[in-house]
Amino acid sequence: MATIAIIGALEKEVAQIKEELDGAQVAQEAGLTVVSGELDGLTVVATTAGMGTVNAAAATQHLISKYAPQSVVFSGIAGGLNPRLHINDVVIGKCLRYLDTDTALIAESAPELEEFASTGALVQIAGAVLKDHGFVDAGVLDTAAGDDPKQFLCGTIATGDRFVTGDVMRDAAIEATHADCVEMEGAAIAHIATKNGVDCLVLRAISDNCDEAYDAFCEREFDLDEYARTASSITLDIVRRIAAAC
């Protein structure tokens, strides 16, 4: 039976996924709570990595080393950088770039890359699932979809180890990466997956526009739950689509 690994940075980003697994079992491993079970004929292992590139990389490597998944899927929330995107729109990480890392030095080691990417076949599956959920491709926006449709974009995700807030940090992130959204884990997930030769998919629901401090951001508990549910429900349907293709 094929295995899919699902990772989130925050517990709210993977809680719904854990609830959907049949025969779920919980294990404490490498500082992680790992839940394993079945979903539509696939074995799924899911965990909350914690925030930041080190936590993300460590969790990814552990799941790959122990469970040998065919794919790693990472979903959650991010700050929007592209003015065309709105709160609760989704970015599929066609390209993932580090924000505050000397990538030339990183690329001196395998896999010798300065930027990373979600696997093409998984990007296509994610796009099809998002369309099924009523999202419109922002790259080919159909004006007939309405004045303010839900959108997704196969774009660029920036990853850094600082919470981006305020015009100065936001503008610096855009200048450095030309990204559509910014977060703290995606490039590290794709980096480790690529290093191990494992397929990966990173997608993010926009939760804010990098215009509020972290404390204020956390106070919007209801909103954050909604955005996390958006990402989780999409992830579940992506896994189901992968299962159907196996």
C-alpha atoms as a PDB file:
ATOM      1  CA  MET A   1       0.000   0.000   0.000  1.00  0.00           C
ATOM      2  CA  ALA A   2       1.403   3.400  -1.010  1.00  0.00           C
ATOM      3  CA  THR A   3       2.120   5.947   1.721  1.00  0.00           C
ATOM      4  CA  ILE A   4       1.557   9.713   1.714  1.00  0.00           C
ATOM      5  CA  ALA A   5       3.080  11.970   4.357  1.00  0.00           C
ATOM      6  CA  ILE A   6       1.184  15.117   5.346  1.00  0.00           C
ATOM      7  CA  ILE A   7       2.847  17.881   7.346  1.00  0.00           C
ATOM      8  CA  GLY A   8       1.595  21.153   8.793  1.00  0.00           C
ATOM      9  CA  ALA A   9       3.367  23.773  10.861  1.00  0.00           C
ATOM     10  CA  LEU A  10       0.422  24.304  13.233  1.00  0.00           C
ATOM     11  CA  GLU A  11      -1.820  21.726  14.875  1.00  0.00           C
ATOM     12  CA  LYS A  12      -4.928  23.393  13.432  1.00  0.00           C
ATOM     13  CA  GLU A  13      -3.506  22.769   9.953  1.00  0.00           C
ATOM     14  CA  VAL A  14      -3.499  18.972  10.356  1.00  0.00           C
ATOM     15  CA  ALA A  15      -6.230  18.339  12.961  1.00  0.00           C
ATOM     16  CA  GLN A  16      -8.953  17.782  10.364  1.00  0.00           C
ATOM     17  CA  ILE A  17      -6.735  15.424   8.397  1.00  0.00           C
ATOM     18  CA  LYS A  18      -6.081  13.277  11.461  1.00  0.00           C
ATOM     19  CA  GLU A  19      -9.832  13.050  12.134  1.00  0.00           C
ATOM     20  CA  GLU A  20     -10.469  11.593   8.669  1.00  0.00           C
ATOM     21  CA  LEU A  21      -8.049   8.671   8.952  1.00  0.00           C
ATOM     22  CA  ASP A  22      -9.385   5.138   9.453  1.00  0.00           C
ATOM     23  CA  GLY A  23      -7.736   3.053  12.147  1.00  0.00           C
ATOM     24  CA  ALA A  24      -5.649   5.985  13.325  1.00  0.00           C
ATOM     25  CA  GLN A  25      -2.717   5.234  15.595  1.00  0.00           C
ATOM     26  CA  VAL A  26      -0.604   7.790  17.467  1.00  0.00           C
ATOM     27  CA  ALA A  27       3.134   7.536  18.098  1.00  0.00           C
ATOM     28  CA  GLN A  28       5.689   9.845  19.707  1.00  0.00           C
ATOM     29  CA  GLU A  29       8.766   9.924  17.504  1.00  0.00           C
ATOM     30  CA  ALA A  30      11.727  12.293  17.135  1.00  0.00           C
ATOM     31  CA  GLY A  31       9.939  14.987  19.115  1.00  0.00           C
ATOM     32  CA  LEU A  32       6.843  14.656  16.928  1.00  0.00           C
ATOM     33  CA  THR A  33       3.331  13.317  17.416  1.00  0.00           C
ATOM     34  CA  VAL A  34       2.768  11.170  14.335  1.00  0.00           C
ATOM     35  CA  VAL A  35      -0.685   9.900  13.439  1.00  0.00           C
ATOM     36  CA  SER A  36      -0.947   7.066  10.918  1.00  0.00           C
ATOM     37  CA  GLY A  37      -4.000   5.524   9.337  1.00  0.00           C
ATOM     38  CA  GLU A  38      -5.736   4.813   6.044  1.00  0.00           C
ATOM     39  CA  LEU A  39      -7.580   7.063   3.634  1.00  0.00           C
ATOM     40  CA  ASP A  40      -9.169   5.648   0.490  1.00  0.00           C
ATOM     41  CA  GLY A  41      -6.694   2.791   0.214  1.00  0.00           C
ATOM     42  CA  LEU A  42      -3.575   4.816   1.013  1.00  0.00           C
ATOM     43  CA  THR A  43      -1.520   4.794   4.180  1.00  0.00           C
ATOM     44  CA  VAL A  44      -1.309   8.342   5.501  1.00  0.00           C
ATOM     45  CA  VAL A  45       1.144   9.587   8.126  1.00  0.00           C
ATOM     46  CA  ALA A  46       0.520  13.093   9.424  1.00  0.00           C
ATOM     47  CA  THR A  47       2.335  15.334  11.870  1.00  0.00           C
ATOM     48  CA  THR A  48       2.632  18.894  13.115  1.00  0.00           C
ATOM     49  CA  ALA A  49       6.211  19.987  12.532  1.00  0.00           C
ATOM     50  CA  GLY A  50       6.195  23.320  14.333  1.00  0.00           C
ATOM     51  CA  MET A  51       7.174  26.615  12.768  1.00  0.00           C
ATOM     52  CA  GLY A  52      10.409  27.397  10.956  1.00  0.00           C
ATOM     53  CA  THR A  53      12.751  25.745   8.474  1.00  0.00           C
ATOM     54  CA  VAL A  54      14.620  23.577  10.992  1.00  0.00           C
ATOM     55  CA  ASN A  55      11.422  22.062  12.400  1.00  0.00           C
ATOM     56  CA  ALA A  56      10.053  21.533   8.900  1.00  0.00           C
ATOM     57  CA  ALA A  57      13.215  19.883   7.583  1.00  0.00           C
ATOM     58  CA  ALA A  58      13.577  17.626  10.627  1.00  0.00           C
ATOM     59  CA  ALA A  59       9.968  16.434  10.426  1.00  0.00           C
ATOM     60  CA  THR A  60      10.212  15.790   6.692  1.00  0.00           C
ATOM     61  CA  GLN A  61      13.400  13.779   6.988  1.00  0.00           C
ATOM     62  CA  HIS A  62      12.006  11.717   9.855  1.00  0.00           C
ATOM     63  CA  LEU A  63       8.824  10.785   7.982  1.00  0.00           C
ATOM     64  CA  ILE A  64      10.776   9.958   4.825  1.00  0.00           C
ATOM     65  CA  SER A  65      13.362   7.864   6.690  1.00  0.00           C
ATOM     66  CA  LYS A  66      10.848   5.892   8.758  1.00  0.00           C
ATOM     67  CA  TYR A  67       7.782   5.596   6.506  1.00  0.00           C
ATOM     68  CA  ALA A  68       9.220   5.860   2.951  1.00  0.00           C
ATOM     69  CA  PRO A  69       6.279   7.859   1.536  1.00  0.00           C
ATOM     70  CA  GLN A  70       5.898   8.233  -2.200  1.00  0.00           C
ATOM     71  CA  SER A  71       4.873  11.857  -1.670  1.00  0.00           C
ATOM     72  CA  VAL A  72       5.063  14.554   0.985  1.00  0.00           C
ATOM     73  CA  VAL A  73       2.212  17.079   1.076  1.00  0.00           C
ATOM     74  CA  PHE A  74       2.575  20.261   3.091  1.00  0.00           C
ATOM     75  CA  SER A  75      -0.341  22.623   3.513  1.00  0.00           C
ATOM     76  CA  GLY A  76      -1.274  25.514   5.753  1.00  0.00           C
ATOM     77  CA  ILE A  77      -1.568  29.282   5.823  1.00  0.00           C
ATOM     78  CA  ALA A  78       0.644  32.114   4.549  1.00  0.00           C
ATOM     79  CA  GLY A  79       0.885  35.871   4.231  1.00  0.00           C
ATOM     80  CA  GLY A  80      -0.110  37.258   0.849  1.00  0.00           C
ATOM     81  CA  LEU A  81       2.380  39.260  -1.224  1.00  0.00           C
ATOM     82  CA  ASN A  82       0.615  39.281  -4.612  1.00  0.00           C
ATOM     83  CA  PRO A  83      -2.030  42.059  -4.733  1.00  0.00           C
ATOM     84  CA  ARG A  84      -4.136  39.946  -7.100  1.00  0.00           C
ATOM     85  CA  LEU A  85      -4.740  37.404  -4.354  1.00  0.00           C
ATOM     86  CA  HIS A  86      -7.192  37.783  -1.490  1.00  0.00           C
ATOM     87  CA  ILE A  87      -7.699  36.249   1.923  1.00  0.00           C
ATOM     88  CA  ASN A  88      -8.487  32.508   1.627  1.00  0.00           C
ATOM     89  CA  ASP A  89      -7.141  32.257  -1.938  1.00  0.00           C
ATOM     90  CA  VAL A  90      -4.627  29.443  -2.419  1.00  0.00           C
ATOM     91  CA  VAL A  91      -1.076  29.381  -3.771  1.00  0.00           C
ATOM     92  CA  ILE A  92       0.352  26.118  -5.114  1.00  0.00           C
ATOM     93  CA  GLY A  93       4.127  26.182  -4.756  1.00  0.00           C
ATOM     94  CA  LYS A  94       5.261  25.714  -8.325  1.00  0.00           C
ATOM     95  CA  CYS A  95       8.462  27.395  -7.137  1.00  0.00           C
ATOM     96  CA  LEU A  96       9.760  27.694  -3.562  1.00  0.00           C
ATOM     97  CA  ARG A  97      12.518  30.131  -2.625  1.00  0.00           C
ATOM     98  CA  TYR A  98      14.350  30.828   0.606  1.00  0.00           C
ATOM     99  CA  LEU A  99      13.949  34.383   1.815  1.00  0.00           C
ATOM    100  CA  ASP A 100      16.756  34.895   4.325  1.00  0.00           C
ATOM    101  CA  THR A 101      19.281  32.246   3.301  1.00  0.00           C
ATOM    102  CA  ASP A 102      22.507  32.399   1.301  1.00  0.00           C
ATOM    103  CA  THR A 103      21.246  29.991  -1.340  1.00  0.00           C
ATOM    104  CA  ALA A 104      24.554  29.857  -3.216  1.00  0.00           C
ATOM    105  CA  LEU A 105      26.132  28.235  -0.155  1.00  0.00           C
ATOM    106  CA  ILE A 106      23.162  25.885   0.309  1.00  0.00           C
ATOM    107  CA  ALA A 107      23.540  24.774  -3.318  1.00  0.00           C
ATOM    108  CA  GLU A 108      27.103  23.578  -2.699  1.00  0.00           C
ATOM    109  CA  SER A 109      25.534  20.454  -1.168  1.00  0.00           C
ATOM    110  CA  ALA A 110      23.137  17.947  -2.728  1.00  0.00           C
ATOM    111  CA  PRO A 111      20.740  18.441  -4.414  1.00  0.00           C
ATOM    112  CA  GLU A 112      22.765  21.496  -5.550  1.00  0.00           C
ATOM    113  CA  LEU A 113      19.769  23.763  -6.063  1.00  0.00           C
ATOM    114  CA  GLU A 114      19.048  27.335  -4.979  1.00  0.00           C
ATOM    115  CA  GLU A 115      15.289  26.983  -5.336  1.00  0.00           C
ATOM    116  CA  PHE A 116      12.854  24.111  -5.291  1.00  0.00           C
ATOM    117  CA  ALA A 117       9.528  23.039  -6.773  1.00  0.00           C
ATOM    118  CA  SER A 118       6.460  20.957  -6.126  1.00  0.00           C
ATOM    119  CA  THR A 119       6.248  17.872  -8.335  1.00  0.00           C
ATOM    120  CA  GLY A 120       4.503  18.667 -11.619  1.00  0.00           C
ATOM    121  CA  ALA A 121       1.989  15.800 -11.476  1.00  0.00           C
ATOM    122  CA  LEU A 122       0.960  16.811  -7.943  1.00  0.00           C
ATOM    123  CA  VAL A 123       0.603  20.449  -9.008  1.00  0.00           C
ATOM    124  CA  GLN A 124      -1.812  19.306 -11.712  1.00  0.00           C
ATOM    125  CA  ILE A 125      -3.805  17.229  -9.236  1.00  0.00           C
ATOM    126  CA  ALA A 126      -3.961  20.160  -6.810  1.00  0.00           C
ATOM    127  CA  GLY A 127      -5.186  22.479  -9.547  1.00  0.00           C
ATOM    128  CA  ALA A 128      -7.933  20.044 -10.548  1.00  0.00           C
ATOM    129  CA  VAL A 129      -9.054  19.634  -6.927  1.00  0.00           C
ATOM    130  CA  LEU A 130      -9.133  23.400  -6.387  1.00  0.00           C
ATOM    131  CA  LYS A 131     -11.319  23.803  -9.463  1.00  0.00           C
ATOM    132  CA  ASP A 132     -13.650  21.153  -8.039  1.00  0.00           C
ATOM    133  CA  HIS A 133     -13.810  23.290  -4.873  1.00  0.00           C
ATOM    134  CA  GLY A 134     -14.941  26.275  -6.917  1.00  0.00           C
ATOM    135  CA  PHE A 135     -11.595  28.064  -7.210  1.00  0.00           C
ATOM    136  CA  VAL A 136     -10.652  29.885 -10.396  1.00  0.00           C
ATOM    137  CA  ASP A 137      -7.120  29.822 -11.788  1.00  0.00           C
ATOM    138  CA  ALA A 138      -5.834  33.371 -11.204  1.00  0.00           C
ATOM    139  CA  GLY A 139      -3.453  32.894 -14.112  1.00  0.00           C
ATOM    140  CA  VAL A 140      -6.393  32.587 -16.543  1.00  0.00           C
ATOM    141  CA  LEU A 141      -9.102  34.350 -14.549  1.00  0.00           C
ATOM    142  CA  ASP A 142     -12.532  33.994 -16.095  1.00  0.00           C
ATOM    143  CA  THR A 143     -14.450  37.228 -15.549  1.00  0.00           C
ATOM    144  CA  ALA A 144     -17.677  35.236 -15.833  1.00  0.00           C
ATOM    145  CA  ALA A 145     -16.776  33.574 -12.528  1.00  0.00           C
ATOM    146  CA  GLY A 146     -17.966  36.664 -10.667  1.00  0.00           C
ATOM    147  CA  ASP A 147     -16.613  39.914  -9.320  1.00  0.00           C
ATOM    148  CA  ASP A 148     -14.697  38.320  -6.455  1.00  0.00           C
ATOM    149  CA  PRO A 149     -14.197  34.596  -7.118  1.00  0.00           C
ATOM    150  CA  LYS A 150     -12.136  32.247  -4.994  1.00  0.00           C
ATOM    151  CA  GLN A 151      -8.780  31.965  -6.709  1.00  0.00           C
ATOM    152  CA  PHE A 152      -5.742  29.730  -6.824  1.00  0.00           C
ATOM    153  CA  LEU A 153      -2.379  30.407  -8.391  1.00  0.00           C
ATOM    154  CA  CYS A 154       0.471  28.117  -9.382  1.00  0.00           C
ATOM    155  CA  GLY A 155       3.099  30.538  -8.193  1.00  0.00           C
ATOM    156  CA  THR A 156       6.093  31.218  -5.997  1.00  0.00           C
ATOM    157  CA  ILE A 157       6.232  30.739  -2.246  1.00  0.00           C
ATOM    158  CA  ALA A 158       8.915  32.441  -0.147  1.00  0.00           C
ATOM    159  CA  THR A 159      10.173  30.763   3.029  1.00  0.00           C
ATOM    160  CA  GLY A 160      12.005  32.507   5.852  1.00  0.00           C
ATOM    161  CA  ASP A 161      12.600  32.134   9.565  1.00  0.00           C
ATOM    162  CA  ARG A 162      11.059  35.455  10.569  1.00  0.00           C
ATOM    163  CA  PHE A 163       7.374  36.367  10.685  1.00  0.00           C
ATOM    164  CA  VAL A 164       6.912  38.959   7.928  1.00  0.00           C
ATOM    165  CA  THR A 165       4.836  41.933   9.016  1.00  0.00           C
ATOM    166  CA  GLY A 166       4.692  45.583   7.985  1.00  0.00           C
ATOM    167  CA  ASP A 167       5.487  47.372   4.742  1.00  0.00           C
ATOM    168  CA  VAL A 168       9.269  47.277   5.125  1.00  0.00           C
ATOM    169  CA  MET A 169       9.518  43.512   5.629  1.00  0.00           C
ATOM    170  CA  ARG A 170       6.797  42.841   3.064  1.00  0.00           C
ATOM    171  CA  ASP A 171       8.485  44.939   0.373  1.00  0.00           C
ATOM    172  CA  ALA A 172      11.861  43.361   1.157  1.00  0.00           C
ATOM    173  CA  ALA A 173      10.374  39.873   0.766  1.00  0.00           C
ATOM    174  CA  ILE A 174       8.868  40.786  -2.597  1.00  0.00           C
ATOM    175  CA  GLU A 175      12.113  42.319  -3.826  1.00  0.00           C
ATOM    176  CA  ALA A 176      14.192  39.342  -2.713  1.00  0.00           C
ATOM    177  CA  THR A 177      11.968  36.522  -3.982  1.00  0.00           C
ATOM    178  CA  HIS A 178       9.250  37.924  -6.320  1.00  0.00           C
ATOM    179  CA  ALA A 179       6.945  35.549  -4.448  1.00  0.00           C
ATOM    180  CA  ASP A 180       3.159  35.440  -4.256  1.00  0.00           C
ATOM    181  CA  CYS A 181       3.081  34.599  -0.551  1.00  0.00           C
ATOM    182  CA  VAL A 182       5.474  34.160   2.355  1.00  0.00           C
ATOM    183  CA  GLU A 183       5.654  31.592   5.154  1.00  0.00           C
ATOM    184  CA  MET A 184       8.233  29.743   7.264  1.00  0.00           C
ATOM    185  CA  GLU A 185       8.453  26.107   6.100  1.00  0.00           C
ATOM    186  CA  GLY A 186       7.643  25.321   2.459  1.00  0.00           C
ATOM    187  CA  ALA A 187      11.061  25.599   0.809  1.00  0.00           C
ATOM    188  CA  ALA A 188      12.623  23.460   3.553  1.00  0.00           C
ATOM    189  CA  ILE A 189       9.993  20.749   2.978  1.00  0.00           C
ATOM    190  CA  ALA A 190      10.626  20.765  -0.777  1.00  0.00           C
ATOM    191  CA  HIS A 191      14.388  20.898  -0.198  1.00  0.00           C
ATOM    192  CA  ILE A 192      14.453  17.732   1.920  1.00  0.00           C
ATOM    193  CA  ALA A 193      11.965  15.915  -0.322  1.00  0.00           C
ATOM    194  CA  THR A 194      14.087  16.723  -3.372  1.00  0.00           C
ATOM    195  CA  LYS A 195      17.255  15.646  -1.563  1.00  0.00           C
ATOM    196  CA  ASN A 196      15.617  12.253  -0.909  1.00  0.00           C
ATOM    197  CA  GLY A 197      14.102  11.870  -4.370  1.00  0.00           C
ATOM    198  CA  VAL A 198      10.537  11.997  -3.013  1.00  0.00           C
ATOM    199  CA  ASP A 199       7.650  13.793  -4.714  1.00  0.00           C
ATOM    200  CA  CYS A 200       6.287  16.806  -2.852  1.00  0.00           C
ATOM    201  CA  LEU A 201       3.499  19.349  -2.944  1.00  0.00           C
ATOM    202  CA  VAL A 202       3.352  22.618  -1.022  1.00  0.00           C
ATOM    203  CA  LEU A 203       0.196  24.714  -0.974  1.00  0.00           C
ATOM    204  CA  ARG A 204      -0.914  27.633   1.154  1.00  0.00           C
ATOM    205  CA  ALA A 205      -4.203  29.403   1.912  1.00  0.00           C
ATOM    206  CA  ILE A 206      -3.742  33.167   2.283  1.00  0.00           C
ATOM    207  CA  SER A 207      -4.604  34.194   5.861  1.00  0.00           C
ATOM    208  CA  ASP A 208      -3.370  37.803   5.915  1.00  0.00           C
ATOM    209  CA  ASN A 209      -1.487  40.373   3.866  1.00  0.00           C
ATOM    210  CA  CYS A 210       1.603  40.658   6.081  1.00  0.00           C
ATOM    211  CA  ASP A 211       0.034  43.761   7.606  1.00  0.00           C
ATOM    212  CA  GLU A 212      -0.305  42.826  11.272  1.00  0.00           C
ATOM    213  CA  ALA A 213       1.947  41.777  14.133  1.00  0.00           C
ATOM    214  CA  TYR A 214       2.144  38.116  15.144  1.00  0.00           C
ATOM    215  CA  ASP A 215       0.229  38.658  18.417  1.00  0.00           C
ATOM    216  CA  ALA A 216      -2.647  40.356  16.589  1.00  0.00           C
ATOM    217  CA  PHE A 217      -2.550  37.651  13.933  1.00  0.00           C
ATOM    218  CA  CYS A 218      -2.952  34.919  16.565  1.00  0.00           C
ATOM    219  CA  GLU A 219      -5.949  36.687  18.127  1.00  0.00           C
ATOM    220  CA  ARG A 220      -7.974  36.030  14.963  1.00  0.00           C
ATOM    221  CA  GLU A 221      -8.569  32.455  16.093  1.00  0.00           C
ATOM    222  CA  PHE A 222     -11.845  31.943  14.230  1.00  0.00           C
ATOM    223  CA  ASP A 223     -10.481  33.295  10.969  1.00  0.00           C
ATOM    224  CA  LEU A 224      -7.306  31.222  11.232  1.00  0.00           C
ATOM    225  CA  ASP A 225      -9.344  28.087  11.842  1.00  0.00           C
ATOM    226  CA  GLU A 226     -11.328  28.821   8.685  1.00  0.00           C
ATOM    227  CA  TYR A 227      -8.231  29.306   6.544  1.00  0.00           C
ATOM    228  CA  ALA A 228      -6.625  26.188   8.009  1.00  0.00           C
ATOM    229  CA  ARG A 229      -9.794  24.192   7.239  1.00  0.00           C
ATOM    230  CA  THR A 230      -9.634  25.430   3.658  1.00  0.00           C
ATOM    231  CA  ALA A 231      -6.112  24.072   3.298  1.00  0.00           C
ATOM    232  CA  SER A 232      -6.945  20.816   5.115  1.00  0.00           C
ATOM    233  CA  SER A 233     -10.058  20.003   3.086  1.00  0.00           C
ATOM    234  CA  ILE A 234      -8.172  20.604  -0.138  1.00  0.00           C
ATOM    235  CA  THR A 235      -5.295  18.421   1.063  1.00  0.00           C
ATOM    236  CA  LEU A 236      -7.657  15.572   1.904  1.00  0.00           C
ATOM    237  CA  ASP A 237      -9.195  15.679  -1.558  1.00  0.00           C
ATOM    238  CA  ILE A 238      -5.736  15.801  -3.142  1.00  0.00           C
ATOM    239  CA  VAL A 239      -4.806  12.617  -1.258  1.00  0.00           C
ATOM    240  CA  ARG A 240      -8.056  11.015  -2.391  1.00  0.00           C
ATOM    241  CA  ARG A 241      -7.242  11.970  -5.995  1.00  0.00           C
ATOM    242  CA  ILE A 242      -3.760  10.472  -5.624  1.00  0.00           C
ATOM    243  CA  ALA A 243      -5.344   7.293  -4.263  1.00  0.00           C
ATOM    244  CA  ALA A 244      -7.682   7.074  -7.243  1.00  0.00           C
ATOM    245  CA  ALA A 245      -4.703   7.353  -9.591  1.00  0.00           C
ATOM    246  CA  CYS A 246      -2.724   4.554  -7.887  1.00  0.00           C
END
